[in-house]
Amino acid sequence: ECKWWSSSPEGKQDVKERIDEFMMRLRYADDDAPIIVVGHSHYWRTVLNKCMAVEAQKGSELAIKVGQLKLGNGGVIYCRLNFDLGRRLIDDFELMFGTELE
């Protein structure tokens, strides 16, 4: 098995590029069906911080917490993406199945 991970932390530009590529893959997926993605809670916190629409943040205590805390192990979060919004394209989100933030 080859080593696919880096031995040093990613820089901010590397993370930005990875998120941009991830969002493009979602945008141009072949199907309009819901997509399920699994990933590390710290990555999701970064994605939410960088991609949550301003309107989704306004007056939302959950939006503040999601940007500061991490999803619990096995946590599930629903995100709706609106690519017409540009870079801040998550216009709705919800913790699901009893998911808590830590």
N, C-alpha and C. Protein backbone atom coordinates (compact mmCIF):
# COMPACT_ATOMS: atom_id res chain seq x y z
N GLU A 1 0.85 -1.18 0.00
CA GLU A 1 0.00 0.00 0.00
C GLU A 1 0.90 1.24 0.00
N CYS A 2 0.59 2.19 -0.86
CA CYS A 2 1.40 3.40 -0.92
C CYS A 2 0.88 4.44 0.07
N LYS A 3 1.77 5.30 0.51
CA LYS A 3 1.41 6.36 1.45
C LYS A 3 0.80 7.51 0.66
N TRP A 4 -0.49 7.82 0.91
CA TRP A 4 -1.20 8.86 0.17
C TRP A 4 -1.28 10.17 0.95
N TRP A 5 -0.88 10.15 2.21
CA TRP A 5 -1.00 11.33 3.05
C TRP A 5 0.35 12.01 3.20
N SER A 6 0.29 13.26 3.59
CA SER A 6 1.50 14.05 3.78
C SER A 6 1.99 13.91 5.22
N SER A 7 3.29 14.00 5.42
CA SER A 7 3.81 13.95 6.79
C SER A 7 3.82 15.32 7.45
N SER A 8 3.49 16.37 6.71
CA SER A 8 3.40 17.71 7.30
C SER A 8 1.99 18.27 7.08
N PRO A 9 1.57 19.20 7.94
CA PRO A 9 0.22 19.77 7.80
C PRO A 9 0.06 20.51 6.47
N GLU A 10 -1.16 20.51 5.96
CA GLU A 10 -1.46 21.25 4.73
C GLU A 10 -1.44 22.74 5.02
N GLY A 11 -0.97 23.51 4.06
CA GLY A 11 -1.04 24.96 4.17
C GLY A 11 -2.43 25.45 3.80
N LYS A 12 -2.73 26.70 4.10
CA LYS A 12 -4.05 27.27 3.82
C LYS A 12 -4.40 27.19 2.33
N GLN A 13 -3.43 27.46 1.48
CA GLN A 13 -3.68 27.40 0.03
C GLN A 13 -3.98 25.97 -0.41
N ASP A 14 -3.28 24.99 0.17
CA ASP A 14 -3.53 23.59 -0.16
C ASP A 14 -4.95 23.19 0.23
N VAL A 15 -5.38 23.61 1.41
CA VAL A 15 -6.74 23.29 1.88
C VAL A 15 -7.77 23.95 0.97
N LYS A 16 -7.54 25.21 0.62
CA LYS A 16 -8.47 25.92 -0.27
C LYS A 16 -8.60 25.19 -1.60
N GLU A 17 -7.47 24.77 -2.17
CA GLU A 17 -7.50 24.06 -3.45
C GLU A 17 -8.22 22.72 -3.32
N ARG A 18 -8.01 22.03 -2.20
CA ARG A 18 -8.67 20.73 -2.00
C ARG A 18 -10.18 20.92 -1.88
N ILE A 19 -10.62 21.95 -1.15
CA ILE A 19 -12.05 22.22 -1.02
C ILE A 19 -12.64 22.62 -2.37
N ASP A 20 -11.94 23.48 -3.11
CA ASP A 20 -12.43 23.89 -4.44
C ASP A 20 -12.60 22.68 -5.36
N GLU A 21 -11.61 21.79 -5.37
CA GLU A 21 -11.69 20.60 -6.22
C GLU A 21 -12.84 19.70 -5.77
N PHE A 22 -13.01 19.55 -4.47
CA PHE A 22 -14.10 18.73 -3.93
C PHE A 22 -15.45 19.29 -4.36
N MET A 23 -15.64 20.60 -4.25
CA MET A 23 -16.91 21.21 -4.63
C MET A 23 -17.16 21.07 -6.14
N MET A 24 -16.11 21.16 -6.94
CA MET A 24 -16.27 20.98 -8.38
C MET A 24 -16.69 19.55 -8.70
N ARG A 25 -16.13 18.59 -7.99
CA ARG A 25 -16.53 17.19 -8.21
C ARG A 25 -18.01 17.01 -7.88
N LEU A 26 -18.45 17.63 -6.78
CA LEU A 26 -19.87 17.54 -6.42
C LEU A 26 -20.74 18.22 -7.47
N ARG A 27 -20.30 19.39 -7.90
CA ARG A 27 -21.10 20.16 -8.86
C ARG A 27 -21.31 19.39 -10.16
N TYR A 28 -20.27 18.75 -10.63
CA TYR A 28 -20.35 18.09 -11.93
C TYR A 28 -20.53 16.57 -11.82
N ALA A 29 -21.04 16.12 -10.70
CA ALA A 29 -21.37 14.69 -10.56
C ALA A 29 -22.41 14.33 -11.62
N ASP A 30 -22.40 13.11 -12.06
CA ASP A 30 -23.26 12.68 -13.16
C ASP A 30 -24.74 12.61 -12.83
N ASP A 31 -25.09 12.59 -11.57
CA ASP A 31 -26.47 12.33 -11.18
C ASP A 31 -27.00 13.47 -10.30
N ASP A 32 -28.30 13.71 -10.39
CA ASP A 32 -28.93 14.70 -9.52
C ASP A 32 -29.37 14.11 -8.19
N ALA A 33 -29.08 12.84 -7.97
CA ALA A 33 -29.46 12.18 -6.72
C ALA A 33 -28.63 12.72 -5.56
N PRO A 34 -29.11 12.57 -4.33
CA PRO A 34 -28.31 12.98 -3.18
C PRO A 34 -26.96 12.27 -3.17
N ILE A 35 -25.96 12.95 -2.66
CA ILE A 35 -24.61 12.40 -2.59
C ILE A 35 -24.22 12.30 -1.12
N ILE A 36 -23.67 11.17 -0.74
CA ILE A 36 -23.19 10.98 0.63
C ILE A 36 -21.67 11.00 0.59
N VAL A 37 -21.09 11.82 1.46
CA VAL A 37 -19.64 11.96 1.51
C VAL A 37 -19.19 11.72 2.95
N VAL A 38 -18.12 10.98 3.12
CA VAL A 38 -17.57 10.68 4.43
C VAL A 38 -16.22 11.38 4.55
N GLY A 39 -15.97 11.99 5.71
CA GLY A 39 -14.69 12.66 5.89
C GLY A 39 -14.42 12.99 7.34
N HIS A 40 -13.28 13.56 7.59
CA HIS A 40 -12.82 13.91 8.94
C HIS A 40 -13.54 15.16 9.43
N SER A 41 -13.87 15.18 10.71
CA SER A 41 -14.64 16.30 11.27
C SER A 41 -13.92 17.64 11.15
N HIS A 42 -12.60 17.64 11.24
CA HIS A 42 -11.87 18.91 11.11
C HIS A 42 -11.97 19.45 9.67
N TYR A 43 -11.96 18.54 8.71
CA TYR A 43 -12.13 18.95 7.31
C TYR A 43 -13.52 19.55 7.12
N TRP A 44 -14.55 18.90 7.67
CA TRP A 44 -15.92 19.42 7.52
C TRP A 44 -16.09 20.77 8.19
N ARG A 45 -15.44 20.95 9.33
CA ARG A 45 -15.51 22.26 9.99
C ARG A 45 -14.92 23.33 9.07
N THR A 46 -13.81 23.03 8.43
CA THR A 46 -13.19 23.98 7.51
C THR A 46 -14.09 24.23 6.30
N VAL A 47 -14.66 23.16 5.74
CA VAL A 47 -15.57 23.32 4.60
C VAL A 47 -16.74 24.22 4.99
N LEU A 48 -17.34 23.98 6.14
CA LEU A 48 -18.48 24.79 6.58
C LEU A 48 -18.07 26.25 6.79
N ASN A 49 -16.92 26.47 7.42
CA ASN A 49 -16.44 27.84 7.63
C ASN A 49 -16.22 28.58 6.32
N LYS A 50 -15.69 27.90 5.33
CA LYS A 50 -15.34 28.56 4.07
C LYS A 50 -16.47 28.61 3.06
N CYS A 51 -17.46 27.73 3.21
CA CYS A 51 -18.48 27.60 2.16
C CYS A 51 -19.90 27.90 2.61
N MET A 52 -20.13 28.23 3.87
CA MET A 52 -21.48 28.49 4.32
C MET A 52 -21.93 29.88 3.86
N ALA A 53 -23.10 29.93 3.24
CA ALA A 53 -23.66 31.19 2.76
C ALA A 53 -23.92 32.13 3.94
N VAL A 54 -23.74 33.41 3.71
CA VAL A 54 -23.95 34.42 4.75
C VAL A 54 -25.37 34.33 5.30
N GLU A 55 -26.36 34.14 4.43
CA GLU A 55 -27.75 34.04 4.87
C GLU A 55 -27.97 32.86 5.80
N ALA A 56 -27.25 31.76 5.58
CA ALA A 56 -27.39 30.58 6.43
C ALA A 56 -26.79 30.82 7.80
N GLN A 57 -25.87 31.78 7.91
CA GLN A 57 -25.20 32.07 9.17
C GLN A 57 -25.97 33.05 10.05
N LYS A 58 -26.73 33.93 9.43
CA LYS A 58 -27.38 35.03 10.16
C LYS A 58 -28.28 34.51 11.27
N GLY A 59 -27.98 34.96 12.49
CA GLY A 59 -28.81 34.63 13.63
C GLY A 59 -28.82 33.16 14.00
N SER A 60 -27.88 32.39 13.50
CA SER A 60 -27.87 30.95 13.75
C SER A 60 -26.79 30.58 14.76
N GLU A 61 -27.22 30.20 15.94
CA GLU A 61 -26.27 29.74 16.95
C GLU A 61 -25.57 28.47 16.48
N LEU A 62 -26.32 27.61 15.78
CA LEU A 62 -25.74 26.38 15.25
C LEU A 62 -24.63 26.69 14.24
N ALA A 63 -24.83 27.69 13.41
CA ALA A 63 -23.80 28.06 12.42
C ALA A 63 -22.51 28.47 13.12
N ILE A 64 -22.63 29.19 14.22
CA ILE A 64 -21.44 29.60 14.97
C ILE A 64 -20.75 28.38 15.56
N LYS A 65 -21.54 27.50 16.18
CA LYS A 65 -20.96 26.30 16.81
C LYS A 65 -20.32 25.37 15.78
N VAL A 66 -20.99 25.19 14.64
CA VAL A 66 -20.47 24.29 13.60
C VAL A 66 -19.13 24.80 13.09
N GLY A 67 -18.92 26.10 13.11
CA GLY A 67 -17.66 26.68 12.67
C GLY A 67 -16.56 26.63 13.70
N GLN A 68 -16.92 26.33 14.96
CA GLN A 68 -15.92 26.33 16.03
C GLN A 68 -15.65 24.94 16.61
N LEU A 69 -16.68 24.11 16.66
CA LEU A 69 -16.56 22.80 17.27
C LEU A 69 -16.44 21.73 16.19
N LYS A 70 -16.22 20.49 16.60
CA LYS A 70 -16.14 19.42 15.62
C LYS A 70 -17.34 18.50 15.76
N LEU A 71 -17.66 17.82 14.67
CA LEU A 71 -18.72 16.82 14.71
C LEU A 71 -18.25 15.65 15.57
N GLY A 72 -19.16 15.10 16.35
CA GLY A 72 -18.83 13.91 17.12
C GLY A 72 -18.52 12.75 16.19
N ASN A 73 -17.82 11.74 16.72
CA ASN A 73 -17.48 10.57 15.91
C ASN A 73 -18.73 9.96 15.30
N GLY A 74 -18.68 9.67 14.02
CA GLY A 74 -19.82 9.08 13.32
C GLY A 74 -20.93 10.08 13.06
N GLY A 75 -20.67 11.36 13.29
CA GLY A 75 -21.69 12.39 13.12
C GLY A 75 -22.10 12.57 11.67
N VAL A 76 -23.33 13.02 11.50
CA VAL A 76 -23.88 13.23 10.15
C VAL A 76 -24.43 14.65 10.06
N ILE A 77 -24.08 15.34 9.01
CA ILE A 77 -24.61 16.68 8.77
C ILE A 77 -25.13 16.74 7.33
N TYR A 78 -26.34 17.25 7.19
CA TYR A 78 -26.94 17.47 5.88
C TYR A 78 -26.54 18.86 5.42
N CYS A 79 -26.08 18.99 4.20
CA CYS A 79 -25.76 20.29 3.61
C CYS A 79 -26.42 20.38 2.24
N ARG A 80 -27.08 21.51 2.00
CA ARG A 80 -27.62 21.76 0.65
C ARG A 80 -26.69 22.76 -0.02
N LEU A 81 -26.28 22.43 -1.23
CA LEU A 81 -25.36 23.29 -1.98
C LEU A 81 -26.11 24.02 -3.07
N ASN A 82 -25.88 25.32 -3.15
CA ASN A 82 -26.48 26.15 -4.20
C ASN A 82 -25.32 26.78 -4.96
N PHE A 83 -24.97 26.20 -6.09
CA PHE A 83 -23.80 26.65 -6.84
C PHE A 83 -23.99 28.02 -7.47
N ASP A 84 -25.21 28.52 -7.50
CA ASP A 84 -25.45 29.88 -8.00
C ASP A 84 -24.91 30.94 -7.04
N LEU A 85 -24.62 30.55 -5.80
CA LEU A 85 -24.14 31.50 -4.80
C LEU A 85 -22.64 31.75 -4.87
N GLY A 86 -21.93 31.04 -5.71
CA GLY A 86 -20.48 31.22 -5.79
C GLY A 86 -19.77 30.41 -4.73
N ARG A 87 -18.73 30.98 -4.14
CA ARG A 87 -17.88 30.27 -3.20
C ARG A 87 -18.62 29.88 -1.91
N ARG A 88 -19.50 30.74 -1.43
CA ARG A 88 -20.25 30.45 -0.19
C ARG A 88 -21.57 29.81 -0.57
N LEU A 89 -21.52 28.52 -0.87
CA LEU A 89 -22.62 27.84 -1.53
C LEU A 89 -23.47 26.94 -0.64
N ILE A 90 -23.11 26.76 0.62
CA ILE A 90 -23.94 25.96 1.52
C ILE A 90 -25.03 26.87 2.05
N ASP A 91 -26.26 26.68 1.55
CA ASP A 91 -27.33 27.60 1.96
C ASP A 91 -28.29 26.99 2.97
N ASP A 92 -28.07 25.72 3.32
CA ASP A 92 -28.86 25.09 4.37
C ASP A 92 -28.07 23.91 4.91
N PHE A 93 -28.19 23.67 6.21
CA PHE A 93 -27.50 22.54 6.83
C PHE A 93 -28.25 22.14 8.08
N GLU A 94 -28.04 20.90 8.50
CA GLU A 94 -28.73 20.40 9.69
C GLU A 94 -27.97 19.20 10.24
N LEU A 95 -27.79 19.17 11.56
CA LEU A 95 -27.23 17.99 12.20
C LEU A 95 -28.30 16.91 12.18
N MET A 96 -27.91 15.67 11.92
CA MET A 96 -28.89 14.59 11.78
C MET A 96 -28.58 13.41 12.69
N PHE A 97 -29.60 12.61 12.94
CA PHE A 97 -29.48 11.34 13.66
C PHE A 97 -28.82 11.50 15.03
N GLY A 98 -29.15 12.56 15.73
CA GLY A 98 -28.62 12.76 17.08
C GLY A 98 -27.17 13.23 17.12
N THR A 99 -26.64 13.67 16.00
CA THR A 99 -25.26 14.15 15.94
C THR A 99 -25.08 15.33 16.89
N GLU A 100 -23.97 15.32 17.61
CA GLU A 100 -23.63 16.42 18.52
C GLU A 100 -22.29 17.01 18.13
N LEU A 101 -22.09 18.25 18.56
CA LEU A 101 -20.82 18.94 18.35
C LEU A 101 -20.01 18.85 19.63
N GLU A 102 -18.71 18.70 19.49
CA GLU A 102 -17.83 18.58 20.66
C GLU A 102 -16.85 19.72 20.72
